[in-house]
């Protein structure tokens, strides 16, 4: 651990996790470790007071998200949200994991009176305070929720939400599958494997030494959202692949990654609570969970294609060089344009919307799921 001082947040979180490992017989599944590292009240990465979001390391941030990079991200997304509000006959937007509130501000500014209420579901009290400051001009429309409502009608947006949901790790030695978890080795956390009946959800070729992830929590979240949605749509933007690409035989190390100071590493057991832990999204699994629970898949496209369908290029006409350069990062293949995908769902909406959602008008890749 970076800090062994009992009074430090990192030290306190490490002690909390060690106690959980001891109570569980000396081994903790990785999804439980990840949940504690990210969300333990007052100690987890997203529960601390640091500034995670920002465009440059000099800001003290760890990574940049699309809304922080360019306001044109939210302005373009607003075009799709507006169509979905009309197609569902609703006037409420729900955002999960709203970060600094940058996306909420962009959507509220762009949508105006089409939104009666903007509901933010965020577990981080620290981030809520930042969001309240960012959204002060729209304070009368915004509310914060601690959990998913039992019943909801409206349009859901989630930018880089699914990748932060805890995952289970599987390891294959060529003959046997193991679930990879965490144990304690002296003063450090260490990997430890246990034989498991769990398997990846794709019948691919797995070479000896493969480590990969499965996503039961993300799938359960999508299923619950579909079950509780009475009428509306949902759009999720994240990095990931269809199952055939996700479980490609050459992806032997999986996709688990950590982010700190705009640098990436693959060691979530070090500096626990001081860096983000993410895994790419299995969009096939997400789409199947949605369909099984009652959602209709509207489309699946690259972020670049989705934003262009929503009019981003037209919005940039007449803008300055700096604004255009930042917005181009949302579209470039070697930056966010190709790695990030958008998937959309709907339930009980007007066919005029569900048969022609503007964000998927061209470049729809649903057939690859």
Protein backbone atom coordinates (compact mmCIF):
# COMPACT_ATOMS: atom_id res chain seq x y z
CA UNK A 1 0.00 0.00 0.00
CA UNK A 2 1.20 3.51 -0.73
CA UNK A 3 0.49 4.64 2.80
CA UNK A 4 0.59 2.45 5.89
CA UNK A 5 -0.39 5.20 8.31
CA UNK A 6 -3.56 4.13 10.16
CA UNK A 7 -4.98 7.66 9.81
CA UNK A 8 -4.64 7.78 6.02
CA UNK A 9 -7.62 7.07 3.79
CA UNK A 10 -5.63 4.50 1.83
CA UNK A 11 -4.48 2.79 5.03
CA UNK A 12 -7.99 2.73 6.50
CA UNK A 13 -9.45 1.30 3.29
CA UNK A 14 -6.74 -1.36 3.13
CA UNK A 15 -7.51 -2.34 6.72
CA UNK A 16 -11.23 -2.54 5.92
CA UNK A 17 -10.54 -4.84 2.96
CA UNK A 18 -8.16 -7.01 5.02
CA UNK A 19 -10.88 -7.53 7.61
CA UNK A 20 -13.33 -8.51 4.87
CA UNK A 21 -10.78 -11.01 3.51
CA UNK A 22 -10.29 -12.48 7.00
CA UNK A 23 -14.06 -12.81 7.54
CA UNK A 24 -14.34 -14.59 4.19
CA UNK A 25 -11.80 -17.25 5.05
CA UNK A 26 -8.72 -15.52 3.64
CA UNK A 27 -10.01 -14.99 0.10
CA UNK A 28 -12.26 -12.30 -1.38
CA UNK A 29 -13.77 -12.46 -4.91
CA UNK A 30 -12.40 -9.63 -7.03
CA UNK A 31 -15.80 -8.03 -7.59
CA UNK A 32 -16.15 -7.47 -3.85
CA UNK A 33 -12.60 -6.10 -3.65
CA UNK A 34 -13.31 -3.74 -6.56
CA UNK A 35 -16.59 -2.57 -5.01
CA UNK A 36 -14.85 -1.69 -1.75
CA UNK A 37 -11.87 -0.05 -3.49
CA UNK A 38 -14.18 2.21 -5.50
CA UNK A 39 -17.25 2.77 -3.33
CA UNK A 40 -16.54 2.12 0.37
CA UNK A 41 -18.21 5.08 2.14
CA UNK A 42 -15.72 7.81 2.92
CA UNK A 43 -12.76 5.76 1.70
CA UNK A 44 -13.33 4.33 -1.78
CA UNK A 45 -11.97 6.04 -4.86
CA UNK A 46 -15.30 7.61 -5.82
CA UNK A 47 -16.12 8.51 -2.22
CA UNK A 48 -13.00 10.59 -1.60
CA UNK A 49 -12.64 14.35 -2.00
CA UNK A 50 -10.02 14.38 -4.76
CA UNK A 51 -10.64 15.65 -8.28
CA UNK A 52 -10.86 12.58 -10.52
CA UNK A 53 -12.10 14.35 -13.63
CA UNK A 54 -10.05 16.82 -15.66
CA UNK A 55 -8.38 17.38 -19.00
CA UNK A 56 -4.76 17.59 -17.81
CA UNK A 57 -2.65 15.92 -15.08
CA UNK A 58 -1.70 19.38 -13.83
CA UNK A 59 -5.27 19.80 -12.59
CA UNK A 60 -4.71 16.94 -10.17
CA UNK A 61 -7.16 14.77 -12.11
CA UNK A 62 -6.80 11.12 -13.10
CA UNK A 63 -8.68 10.96 -16.42
CA UNK A 64 -10.83 12.95 -18.80
CA UNK A 65 -14.36 12.11 -19.89
CA UNK A 66 -16.09 13.31 -23.06
CA UNK A 67 -18.25 16.01 -21.38
CA UNK A 68 -15.15 17.45 -19.70
CA UNK A 69 -13.31 17.43 -23.00
CA UNK A 70 -15.91 19.24 -25.08
CA UNK A 71 -19.36 20.77 -24.43
CA UNK A 72 -20.35 19.60 -27.91
CA UNK A 73 -20.59 16.05 -26.56
CA UNK A 74 -23.65 16.92 -24.49
CA UNK A 75 -25.09 19.24 -27.12
CA UNK A 76 -25.03 16.45 -29.70
CA UNK A 77 -26.37 13.83 -27.27
CA UNK A 78 -29.19 16.25 -26.45
CA UNK A 79 -30.53 15.83 -29.98
CA UNK A 80 -31.08 12.12 -29.38
CA UNK A 81 -32.44 12.71 -25.89
CA UNK A 82 -34.93 15.26 -27.24
CA UNK A 83 -36.21 12.76 -29.82
CA UNK A 84 -36.52 10.10 -27.12
CA UNK A 85 -38.42 12.42 -24.78
CA UNK A 86 -40.89 13.18 -27.56
CA UNK A 87 -41.12 9.54 -28.62
CA UNK A 88 -41.82 8.38 -25.08
CA UNK A 89 -44.10 11.27 -24.17
CA UNK A 90 -42.02 12.03 -21.07
CA UNK A 91 -40.22 15.05 -19.63
CA UNK A 92 -37.69 13.63 -17.15
CA UNK A 93 -34.03 12.73 -17.67
CA UNK A 94 -32.19 10.33 -15.38
CA UNK A 95 -28.40 10.35 -15.28
CA UNK A 96 -26.32 7.71 -13.54
CA UNK A 97 -22.85 8.53 -12.34
CA UNK A 98 -22.95 12.22 -13.24
CA UNK A 99 -19.31 12.99 -12.36
CA UNK A 100 -18.79 16.74 -12.01
CA UNK A 101 -22.20 17.48 -13.53
CA UNK A 102 -20.69 18.63 -16.83
CA UNK A 103 -22.93 16.41 -18.97
CA UNK A 104 -26.03 17.34 -16.97
CA UNK A 105 -25.28 21.02 -17.53
CA UNK A 106 -24.82 20.53 -21.27
CA UNK A 107 -28.06 18.56 -21.57
CA UNK A 108 -30.11 20.97 -19.45
CA UNK A 109 -28.80 23.98 -21.35
CA UNK A 110 -29.58 22.34 -24.70
CA UNK A 111 -32.95 20.81 -23.85
CA UNK A 112 -34.45 23.79 -22.03
CA UNK A 113 -38.15 23.49 -21.28
CA UNK A 114 -38.35 19.98 -22.73
CA UNK A 115 -37.03 18.74 -19.38
CA UNK A 116 -39.25 19.22 -16.33
CA UNK A 117 -36.97 17.32 -13.97
CA UNK A 118 -33.40 16.03 -14.09
CA UNK A 119 -32.73 13.19 -11.66
CA UNK A 120 -29.17 12.22 -10.78
CA UNK A 121 -28.40 8.85 -9.20
CA UNK A 122 -24.93 9.08 -7.68
CA UNK A 123 -23.51 7.28 -4.66
CA UNK A 124 -20.73 9.80 -4.03
CA UNK A 125 -21.58 12.57 -1.59
CA UNK A 126 -18.43 14.46 -2.59
CA UNK A 127 -19.38 14.41 -6.27
CA UNK A 128 -22.92 15.50 -5.40
CA UNK A 129 -21.54 18.71 -3.92
CA UNK A 130 -19.59 19.38 -7.12
CA UNK A 131 -22.68 18.65 -9.19
CA UNK A 132 -24.77 21.09 -7.13
CA UNK A 133 -22.24 23.83 -7.80
CA UNK A 134 -22.10 23.05 -11.52
CA UNK A 135 -25.89 22.92 -11.85
CA UNK A 136 -26.77 25.93 -9.69
CA UNK A 137 -28.50 27.65 -12.61
CA UNK A 138 -30.85 24.67 -12.98
CA UNK A 139 -31.29 23.96 -9.26
CA UNK A 140 -35.10 23.98 -9.44
CA UNK A 141 -35.11 21.10 -11.95
CA UNK A 142 -32.44 18.86 -10.43
CA UNK A 143 -32.89 16.24 -7.74
CA UNK A 144 -30.52 13.60 -6.36
CA UNK A 145 -31.49 9.99 -5.67
CA UNK A 146 -29.66 7.36 -3.65
CA UNK A 147 -30.92 4.45 -5.71
CA UNK A 148 -32.78 3.48 -8.85
CA UNK A 149 -36.48 4.44 -8.53
CA UNK A 150 -38.96 1.58 -8.22
CA UNK A 151 -40.92 2.98 -11.16
CA UNK A 152 -39.67 5.42 -13.74
CA UNK A 153 -40.62 7.03 -17.04
CA UNK A 154 -38.20 9.16 -19.00
CA UNK A 155 -34.84 9.04 -20.71
CA UNK A 156 -31.78 7.54 -19.03
CA UNK A 157 -28.21 8.55 -19.89
CA UNK A 158 -25.03 6.99 -18.58
CA UNK A 159 -21.57 8.05 -19.71
CA UNK A 160 -18.77 5.76 -18.51
CA UNK A 161 -21.00 4.12 -15.92
CA UNK A 162 -20.95 0.45 -16.92
CA UNK A 163 -17.14 0.22 -17.01
CA UNK A 164 -16.95 1.15 -13.31
CA UNK A 165 -19.27 -1.63 -12.17
CA UNK A 166 -17.43 -4.41 -10.32
CA UNK A 167 -16.47 -7.44 -12.40
CA UNK A 168 -15.56 -11.01 -11.58
CA UNK A 169 -12.22 -12.30 -12.85
CA UNK A 170 -11.73 -15.72 -14.42
CA UNK A 171 -8.40 -17.44 -15.12
CA UNK A 172 -7.82 -20.45 -17.39
CA UNK A 173 -4.72 -22.63 -17.05
CA UNK A 174 -5.42 -24.69 -20.15
CA UNK A 175 -7.55 -27.31 -18.41
CA UNK A 176 -9.40 -25.68 -15.51
CA UNK A 177 -11.22 -22.43 -14.93
CA UNK A 178 -10.56 -20.51 -11.71
CA UNK A 179 -12.17 -17.47 -10.16
CA UNK A 180 -9.47 -14.97 -9.34
CA UNK A 181 -9.74 -13.22 -6.01
CA UNK A 182 -7.63 -11.38 -3.48
CA UNK A 183 -5.78 -12.61 -0.40
CA UNK A 184 -3.25 -11.05 1.97
CA UNK A 185 0.47 -11.74 1.74
CA UNK A 186 2.18 -10.03 4.65
CA UNK A 187 1.48 -6.31 4.25
CA UNK A 188 0.35 -6.58 0.64
CA UNK A 189 -2.67 -7.80 -1.25
CA UNK A 190 -2.05 -10.74 -3.58
CA UNK A 191 -3.91 -12.66 -6.28
CA UNK A 192 -5.37 -16.04 -5.31
CA UNK A 193 -7.40 -18.45 -7.44
CA UNK A 194 -10.17 -20.90 -6.60
CA UNK A 195 -11.69 -23.52 -8.91
CA UNK A 196 -15.07 -22.36 -10.19
CA UNK A 197 -18.03 -23.45 -12.29
CA UNK A 198 -18.21 -19.92 -13.77
CA UNK A 199 -17.40 -19.55 -17.47
CA UNK A 200 -17.14 -16.69 -19.96
CA UNK A 201 -20.47 -16.13 -21.77
CA UNK A 202 -18.91 -16.78 -25.17
CA UNK A 203 -17.82 -20.09 -26.70
CA UNK A 204 -14.47 -18.88 -27.94
CA UNK A 205 -10.99 -20.33 -27.99
CA UNK A 206 -9.20 -19.62 -24.71
CA UNK A 207 -5.47 -20.23 -24.55
CA UNK A 208 -3.66 -21.32 -21.37
CA UNK A 209 -2.89 -18.35 -19.16
CA UNK A 210 -5.98 -16.35 -20.18
CA UNK A 211 -7.47 -13.99 -17.61
CA UNK A 212 -10.75 -12.29 -18.45
CA UNK A 213 -13.79 -10.68 -16.87
CA UNK A 214 -17.48 -11.42 -16.59
CA UNK A 215 -20.06 -8.74 -15.80
CA UNK A 216 -22.97 -10.02 -13.69
CA UNK A 217 -23.43 -6.70 -11.89
CA UNK A 218 -23.69 -4.62 -15.06
CA UNK A 219 -26.12 -7.12 -16.56
CA UNK A 220 -28.22 -7.11 -13.38
CA UNK A 221 -28.28 -3.31 -13.38
CA UNK A 222 -29.53 -3.18 -16.98
CA UNK A 223 -32.15 -5.84 -16.26
CA UNK A 224 -33.40 -3.96 -13.21
CA UNK A 225 -33.54 -0.73 -15.20
CA UNK A 226 -35.61 -2.43 -17.90
CA UNK A 227 -37.99 -3.95 -15.37
CA UNK A 228 -38.58 -0.64 -13.59
CA UNK A 229 -38.91 1.47 -16.73
CA UNK A 230 -42.59 1.92 -17.51
CA UNK A 231 -42.03 4.07 -20.58
CA UNK A 232 -38.87 5.60 -21.97
CA UNK A 233 -35.42 5.08 -23.41
CA UNK A 234 -31.84 4.65 -22.24
CA UNK A 235 -28.47 5.47 -23.78
CA UNK A 236 -25.13 4.25 -22.49
CA UNK A 237 -21.75 5.45 -23.75
CA UNK A 238 -18.68 3.47 -22.81
CA UNK A 239 -15.62 1.66 -24.09
CA UNK A 240 -16.05 -1.99 -24.94
CA UNK A 241 -16.70 -4.64 -27.55
CA UNK A 242 -19.24 -7.23 -28.70
CA UNK A 243 -18.64 -10.62 -27.05
CA UNK A 244 -16.81 -12.10 -30.04
CA UNK A 245 -14.23 -9.31 -29.81
CA UNK A 246 -14.21 -9.12 -26.03
CA UNK A 247 -13.41 -12.81 -25.65
CA UNK A 248 -11.07 -12.92 -28.65
CA UNK A 249 -8.41 -15.61 -28.11
CA UNK A 250 -5.53 -13.14 -28.32
CA UNK A 251 -6.96 -10.93 -25.54
CA UNK A 252 -5.24 -13.14 -22.96
CA UNK A 253 -4.89 -10.45 -20.27
CA UNK A 254 -8.49 -9.27 -20.27
CA UNK A 255 -9.36 -5.57 -20.12
CA UNK A 256 -8.99 -4.67 -16.44
CA UNK A 257 -7.21 -1.32 -16.12
CA UNK A 258 -6.47 1.38 -13.54
CA UNK A 259 -6.17 5.13 -14.10
CA UNK A 260 -4.29 7.70 -12.05
CA UNK A 261 -2.77 11.01 -13.06
CA UNK A 262 -3.73 10.35 -16.70
CA UNK A 263 -1.57 7.22 -16.67
CA UNK A 264 -2.82 3.65 -16.96
CA UNK A 265 -1.62 0.51 -15.19
CA UNK A 266 -2.94 -3.02 -14.71
CA UNK A 267 -2.35 -3.48 -10.97
CA UNK A 268 -5.55 -2.84 -8.97
CA UNK A 269 -3.99 -4.30 -5.81
CA UNK A 270 -1.55 -1.40 -5.42
CA UNK A 271 -2.50 2.06 -4.09
CA UNK A 272 -5.99 0.82 -3.33
CA UNK A 273 -8.54 3.63 -3.23
CA UNK A 274 -6.20 6.10 -4.89
CA UNK A 275 -6.92 5.19 -8.52
CA UNK A 276 -9.82 4.22 -10.73
CA UNK A 277 -10.42 0.56 -11.62
CA UNK A 278 -12.31 -0.22 -14.81
CA UNK A 279 -13.06 -3.00 -17.28
CA UNK A 280 -14.33 -2.72 -20.84
CA UNK A 281 -18.01 -3.44 -21.43
CA UNK A 282 -19.29 -6.65 -23.00
CA UNK A 283 -22.01 -5.01 -25.08
CA UNK A 284 -23.44 -8.34 -26.22
CA UNK A 285 -24.11 -9.29 -22.62
CA UNK A 286 -25.63 -5.88 -21.93
CA UNK A 287 -27.93 -6.14 -24.97
CA UNK A 288 -29.06 -9.66 -24.05
CA UNK A 289 -29.82 -8.65 -20.45
CA UNK A 290 -31.81 -5.67 -21.72
CA UNK A 291 -33.85 -7.71 -24.18
CA UNK A 292 -34.55 -10.47 -21.66
CA UNK A 293 -35.93 -7.89 -19.22
CA UNK A 294 -38.20 -6.11 -21.70
CA UNK A 295 -36.12 -3.48 -23.46
CA UNK A 296 -35.96 -3.12 -27.23
CA UNK A 297 -32.47 -2.50 -28.63
CA UNK A 298 -32.57 0.76 -30.59
CA UNK A 299 -29.04 0.54 -31.94
CA UNK A 300 -25.34 0.12 -31.28
CA UNK A 301 -22.74 2.34 -32.90
CA UNK A 302 -19.33 3.88 -32.44
CA UNK A 303 -19.30 7.14 -30.52
CA UNK A 304 -18.01 8.93 -33.62
CA UNK A 305 -20.85 7.72 -35.82
CA UNK A 306 -23.47 8.38 -33.14
CA UNK A 307 -22.34 11.97 -32.54
CA UNK A 308 -22.11 12.71 -36.25
CA UNK A 309 -25.63 11.32 -36.72
CA UNK A 310 -26.72 13.74 -34.00
CA UNK A 311 -25.30 16.70 -35.90
CA UNK A 312 -21.94 17.30 -34.21
CA UNK A 313 -20.15 18.33 -37.39
CA UNK A 314 -22.82 20.88 -38.23
CA UNK A 315 -22.59 22.29 -34.70
CA UNK A 316 -18.88 22.92 -35.15
CA UNK A 317 -19.29 25.15 -38.17
CA UNK A 318 -17.99 28.62 -37.38
CA UNK A 319 -16.41 27.55 -34.07
CA UNK A 320 -12.81 28.42 -33.13
CA UNK A 321 -9.81 26.18 -33.66
CA UNK A 322 -9.55 25.10 -30.01
CA UNK A 323 -13.22 24.11 -29.79
CA UNK A 324 -13.02 22.14 -33.03
CA UNK A 325 -9.79 20.41 -31.98
CA UNK A 326 -11.28 19.23 -28.70
CA UNK A 327 -14.47 18.06 -30.36
CA UNK A 328 -12.46 16.15 -32.96
CA UNK A 329 -11.02 14.03 -30.12
CA UNK A 330 -14.55 12.72 -29.62
CA UNK A 331 -14.53 11.48 -33.23
CA UNK A 332 -10.96 10.41 -34.05
CA UNK A 333 -10.48 6.66 -34.30
CA UNK A 334 -7.21 6.73 -32.33
CA UNK A 335 -8.85 8.67 -29.49
CA UNK A 336 -12.49 8.29 -28.34
CA UNK A 337 -14.28 7.88 -31.66
CA UNK A 338 -13.89 4.14 -32.21
CA UNK A 339 -13.09 2.68 -28.80
CA UNK A 340 -16.20 4.22 -27.25
CA UNK A 341 -19.57 2.84 -28.29
CA UNK A 342 -23.17 3.92 -27.75
CA UNK A 343 -26.01 1.48 -27.14
CA UNK A 344 -29.64 2.51 -26.94
CA UNK A 345 -32.77 0.86 -25.54
CA UNK A 346 -36.48 1.72 -25.46
CA UNK A 347 -39.68 0.50 -23.87
CA UNK A 348 -43.29 1.36 -24.71
CA UNK A 349 -42.31 4.22 -27.03
CA UNK A 350 -43.87 5.51 -30.24
CA UNK A 351 -42.78 3.46 -33.30
CA UNK A 352 -41.93 6.69 -35.13
CA UNK A 353 -39.03 6.99 -32.68
CA UNK A 354 -38.03 3.36 -32.17
CA UNK A 355 -37.86 2.64 -35.92
CA UNK A 356 -35.71 5.71 -36.68
CA UNK A 357 -33.58 6.87 -33.71
CA UNK A 358 -31.36 9.61 -35.09
CA UNK A 359 -28.20 8.51 -33.30
CA UNK A 360 -28.19 5.20 -35.16
CA UNK A 361 -29.37 6.48 -38.53
CA UNK A 362 -26.15 5.26 -40.16
CA UNK A 363 -23.34 3.02 -38.97
CA UNK A 364 -25.56 0.86 -36.75
CA UNK A 365 -23.65 -2.27 -35.66
CA UNK A 366 -26.43 -4.08 -33.82
CA UNK A 367 -25.84 -7.07 -36.11
CA UNK A 368 -22.40 -7.56 -34.51
CA UNK A 369 -23.79 -8.09 -31.01
